[in-house]
Amino acid sequence: MRANALAFIDQHGAEAHRLGWNAEQPFGVHPEHGFLRVEYAGALMVNDSRVTGVEKDRIVFDRFSGYRTKPGQTWGPPIWEFAAKGRS
């Protein structure tokens, strides 16, 4: 997961930023429970697949997509903010 997240930043980060993606949408986790609550998780935090592209409303993986327009989605803080608070 970490390697894929870093590859996403290197290969697609500028385009994601240009398209309006914020840090929570690809990297978010639940503020108290981390990865245990996937309804708060960003697209890169719920799988370990390689990103092949980024679009306005989705991140494209090898075999599926992660969308930022899911009805009722609540985004948690980015993983680095969660980790900085000493949670794991």
C-alpha atoms as a PDB file:
ATOM      1  CA  MET A   1       0.000   0.000   0.000  1.00  0.00           C
ATOM      2  CA  ARG A   2       2.776   2.437   0.897  1.00  0.00           C
ATOM      3  CA  ALA A   3       4.673   1.794  -2.333  1.00  0.00           C
ATOM      4  CA  ASN A   4       1.509   2.299  -4.388  1.00  0.00           C
ATOM      5  CA  ALA A   5       0.686   5.521  -2.527  1.00  0.00           C
ATOM      6  CA  LEU A   6       4.174   6.896  -3.175  1.00  0.00           C
ATOM      7  CA  ALA A   7       3.987   5.837  -6.836  1.00  0.00           C
ATOM      8  CA  PHE A   8       0.611   7.613  -7.084  1.00  0.00           C
ATOM      9  CA  ILE A   9       2.172  10.823  -5.796  1.00  0.00           C
ATOM     10  CA  ASP A  10       5.120  10.571  -8.185  1.00  0.00           C
ATOM     11  CA  GLN A  11       3.153   9.561 -11.273  1.00  0.00           C
ATOM     12  CA  HIS A  12      -0.290  11.131 -10.787  1.00  0.00           C
ATOM     13  CA  GLY A  13      -0.038  13.639  -7.946  1.00  0.00           C
ATOM     14  CA  ALA A  14       0.215  16.767 -10.079  1.00  0.00           C
ATOM     15  CA  GLU A  15      -2.714  15.717 -12.249  1.00  0.00           C
ATOM     16  CA  ALA A  16      -4.824  14.789  -9.206  1.00  0.00           C
ATOM     17  CA  HIS A  17      -4.120  18.211  -7.712  1.00  0.00           C
ATOM     18  CA  ARG A  18      -4.983  19.912 -10.999  1.00  0.00           C
ATOM     19  CA  LEU A  19      -8.286  18.010 -11.076  1.00  0.00           C
ATOM     20  CA  GLY A  20      -9.174  19.147  -7.543  1.00  0.00           C
ATOM     21  CA  TRP A  21      -8.465  16.038  -5.481  1.00  0.00           C
ATOM     22  CA  ASN A  22      -7.605  16.868  -1.862  1.00  0.00           C
ATOM     23  CA  ALA A  23      -5.418  14.801   0.506  1.00  0.00           C
ATOM     24  CA  GLU A  24      -8.367  13.151   2.278  1.00  0.00           C
ATOM     25  CA  GLN A  25      -9.913  11.691  -0.872  1.00  0.00           C
ATOM     26  CA  PRO A  26      -7.041   9.357  -1.793  1.00  0.00           C
ATOM     27  CA  PHE A  27      -5.280   9.089   1.601  1.00  0.00           C
ATOM     28  CA  GLY A  28      -8.015   9.431   4.250  1.00  0.00           C
ATOM     29  CA  VAL A  29      -8.611   7.042   7.148  1.00  0.00           C
ATOM     30  CA  HIS A  30     -11.126   7.005   9.999  1.00  0.00           C
ATOM     31  CA  PRO A  31     -10.059   9.582  12.638  1.00  0.00           C
ATOM     32  CA  GLU A  32     -10.292   7.071  15.525  1.00  0.00           C
ATOM     33  CA  HIS A  33     -10.145   3.601  13.955  1.00  0.00           C
ATOM     34  CA  GLY A  34      -7.772   4.038  11.027  1.00  0.00           C
ATOM     35  CA  PHE A  35      -8.201   1.371   8.347  1.00  0.00           C
ATOM     36  CA  LEU A  36     -10.928  -0.502  10.255  1.00  0.00           C
ATOM     37  CA  ARG A  37     -13.694   1.770   8.961  1.00  0.00           C
ATOM     38  CA  VAL A  38     -13.504   1.814   5.173  1.00  0.00           C
ATOM     39  CA  GLU A  39     -16.445   4.209   4.761  1.00  0.00           C
ATOM     40  CA  TYR A  40     -14.047   6.998   5.806  1.00  0.00           C
ATOM     41  CA  ALA A  41     -11.111   5.748   3.778  1.00  0.00           C
ATOM     42  CA  GLY A  42      -9.605   7.302   0.707  1.00  0.00           C
ATOM     43  CA  ALA A  43      -9.277   5.401  -2.538  1.00  0.00           C
ATOM     44  CA  LEU A  44      -5.630   4.428  -1.969  1.00  0.00           C
ATOM     45  CA  MET A  45      -6.182   3.262   1.619  1.00  0.00           C
ATOM     46  CA  VAL A  46      -8.562   0.392   0.899  1.00  0.00           C
ATOM     47  CA  ASN A  47      -6.494  -1.612  -1.569  1.00  0.00           C
ATOM     48  CA  ASP A  48      -2.981  -2.344  -2.683  1.00  0.00           C
ATOM     49  CA  SER A  49      -3.464  -2.125  -6.443  1.00  0.00           C
ATOM     50  CA  ARG A  50      -1.383   0.052  -8.736  1.00  0.00           C
ATOM     51  CA  VAL A  51      -2.985   3.275 -10.000  1.00  0.00           C
ATOM     52  CA  THR A  52      -3.120   3.480 -13.788  1.00  0.00           C
ATOM     53  CA  GLY A  53      -4.773   6.891 -14.106  1.00  0.00           C
ATOM     54  CA  VAL A  54      -6.557   9.738 -12.393  1.00  0.00           C
ATOM     55  CA  GLU A  55      -9.676  11.491 -13.646  1.00  0.00           C
ATOM     56  CA  LYS A  56     -11.920  14.269 -12.349  1.00  0.00           C
ATOM     57  CA  ASP A  57     -14.052  11.963 -10.174  1.00  0.00           C
ATOM     58  CA  ARG A  58     -12.167   8.675 -10.004  1.00  0.00           C
ATOM     59  CA  ILE A  59      -8.823   7.037  -9.532  1.00  0.00           C
ATOM     60  CA  VAL A  60      -8.354   4.158 -11.946  1.00  0.00           C
ATOM     61  CA  PHE A  61      -6.648   0.972 -10.755  1.00  0.00           C
ATOM     62  CA  ASP A  62      -5.718  -2.168 -12.696  1.00  0.00           C
ATOM     63  CA  ARG A  63      -9.146  -3.800 -12.266  1.00  0.00           C
ATOM     64  CA  PHE A  64     -11.479  -1.247 -10.668  1.00  0.00           C
ATOM     65  CA  SER A  65     -11.922   2.423  -9.787  1.00  0.00           C
ATOM     66  CA  GLY A  66     -12.104   4.488  -6.603  1.00  0.00           C
ATOM     67  CA  TYR A  67     -14.610   7.338  -6.761  1.00  0.00           C
ATOM     68  CA  ARG A  68     -14.684  10.600  -4.831  1.00  0.00           C
ATOM     69  CA  THR A  69     -18.369  11.249  -5.505  1.00  0.00           C
ATOM     70  CA  LYS A  70     -19.875   8.430  -3.412  1.00  0.00           C
ATOM     71  CA  PRO A  71     -23.183   9.536  -1.843  1.00  0.00           C
ATOM     72  CA  GLY A  72     -22.851  10.007   1.916  1.00  0.00           C
ATOM     73  CA  GLN A  73     -19.063   9.674   1.917  1.00  0.00           C
ATOM     74  CA  THR A  74     -17.319  11.142   4.935  1.00  0.00           C
ATOM     75  CA  TRP A  75     -13.587  11.614   4.447  1.00  0.00           C
ATOM     76  CA  GLY A  76     -11.246  10.997   7.358  1.00  0.00           C
ATOM     77  CA  PRO A  77      -7.919  12.757   7.842  1.00  0.00           C
ATOM     78  CA  PRO A  78      -4.963  11.793   5.665  1.00  0.00           C
ATOM     79  CA  ILE A  79      -2.989   8.840   6.985  1.00  0.00           C
ATOM     80  CA  TRP A  80      -0.001  11.015   7.946  1.00  0.00           C
ATOM     81  CA  GLU A  81      -2.176  13.136  10.292  1.00  0.00           C
ATOM     82  CA  PHE A  82      -3.614   9.968  11.850  1.00  0.00           C
ATOM     83  CA  ALA A  83      -0.101   8.521  12.344  1.00  0.00           C
ATOM     84  CA  ALA A  84       1.216  11.798  13.785  1.00  0.00           C
ATOM     85  CA  LYS A  85      -1.319  11.464  16.630  1.00  0.00           C
ATOM     86  CA  GLY A  86       0.259   8.119  17.590  1.00  0.00           C
ATOM     87  CA  ARG A  87      -2.568   5.917  16.341  1.00  0.00           C
ATOM     88  CA  SER A  88      -2.009   2.826  14.295  1.00  0.00           C
END
